[in-house]
Amino acid sequence: MDVTEAEIHAEQAALRKRYGTPWIWYGWRTGRWWALAGGRLVEAVSPGELGRAMRTSASWPWPPVR
């Protein structure tokens, strides 16, 4: 996914506003979106998927809970 820094900041701001958490970031090396939600780390391939992961963090499959 080729994204610009401005696009990433816009998506982060929208997700932070919607979910009320500052712990959302884009991993430049992984190309994945990450958040700390529900007390655990969740990973997704897109901002939309990250939103779903944050809503269902307890049952989100990735990364696996140890």
Protein backbone atom coordinates (compact mmCIF):
# COMPACT_ATOMS: atom_id res chain seq x y z
CA MET A 1 0.00 0.00 0.00
CA ASP A 2 1.58 3.24 -1.10
CA VAL A 3 0.44 5.96 1.26
CA THR A 4 1.69 9.44 1.98
CA GLU A 5 2.47 10.78 5.40
CA ALA A 6 -0.43 13.24 5.08
CA GLU A 7 -2.85 10.38 4.33
CA ILE A 8 -1.61 8.45 7.34
CA HIS A 9 -2.02 11.44 9.64
CA ALA A 10 -5.55 12.03 8.34
CA GLU A 11 -6.54 8.39 8.91
CA GLN A 12 -4.94 8.39 12.38
CA ALA A 13 -6.81 11.56 13.35
CA ALA A 14 -10.13 10.11 12.18
CA LEU A 15 -9.60 6.84 14.03
CA ARG A 16 -8.41 8.61 17.20
CA LYS A 17 -11.46 10.85 17.17
CA ARG A 18 -13.84 7.95 16.59
CA TYR A 19 -12.34 5.56 19.15
CA GLY A 20 -10.92 8.02 21.67
CA THR A 21 -7.43 6.54 21.88
CA PRO A 22 -4.07 8.06 20.96
CA TRP A 23 -2.48 4.63 20.47
CA ILE A 24 -2.94 4.22 16.72
CA TRP A 25 -0.06 4.10 14.24
CA TYR A 26 1.03 2.95 10.82
CA GLY A 27 4.08 0.69 10.67
CA TRP A 28 6.24 1.90 7.81
CA ARG A 29 8.28 -1.32 7.83
CA THR A 30 5.30 -3.67 8.16
CA GLY A 31 2.87 -1.72 6.00
CA ARG A 32 0.23 -2.46 8.63
CA TRP A 33 -1.99 -0.42 10.91
CA TRP A 34 -1.68 -0.96 14.66
CA ALA A 35 -3.59 0.09 17.78
CA LEU A 36 -3.77 -0.60 21.47
CA ALA A 37 -7.42 -1.45 22.02
CA GLY A 38 -9.17 -3.21 24.86
CA GLY A 39 -5.86 -3.70 26.62
CA ARG A 40 -4.23 -5.54 23.74
CA LEU A 41 -2.34 -4.87 20.54
CA VAL A 42 -4.26 -5.33 17.29
CA GLU A 43 -2.94 -5.27 13.72
CA ALA A 44 -4.78 -4.69 10.45
CA VAL A 45 -4.07 -4.17 6.76
CA SER A 46 -6.19 -1.01 6.38
CA PRO A 47 -7.72 1.76 8.50
CA GLY A 48 -11.19 0.24 7.98
CA GLU A 49 -10.03 -3.15 9.16
CA LEU A 50 -8.28 -1.50 12.12
CA GLY A 51 -11.61 0.04 13.12
CA ARG A 52 -13.20 -3.42 13.10
CA ALA A 53 -10.26 -4.77 15.10
CA MET A 54 -10.66 -2.04 17.69
CA ARG A 55 -14.39 -2.72 18.06
CA THR A 56 -13.80 -6.46 18.49
CA SER A 57 -10.35 -6.43 20.12
CA ALA A 58 -11.13 -9.26 22.54
CA SER A 59 -11.71 -11.69 19.67
CA TRP A 60 -9.44 -10.16 17.01
CA PRO A 61 -7.11 -12.93 15.79
CA TRP A 62 -3.94 -10.96 15.12
CA PRO A 63 -1.48 -10.73 16.65
CA PRO A 64 -2.29 -13.89 18.60
CA VAL A 65 -2.81 -13.54 22.34
CA ARG A 66 -0.21 -15.50 24.29
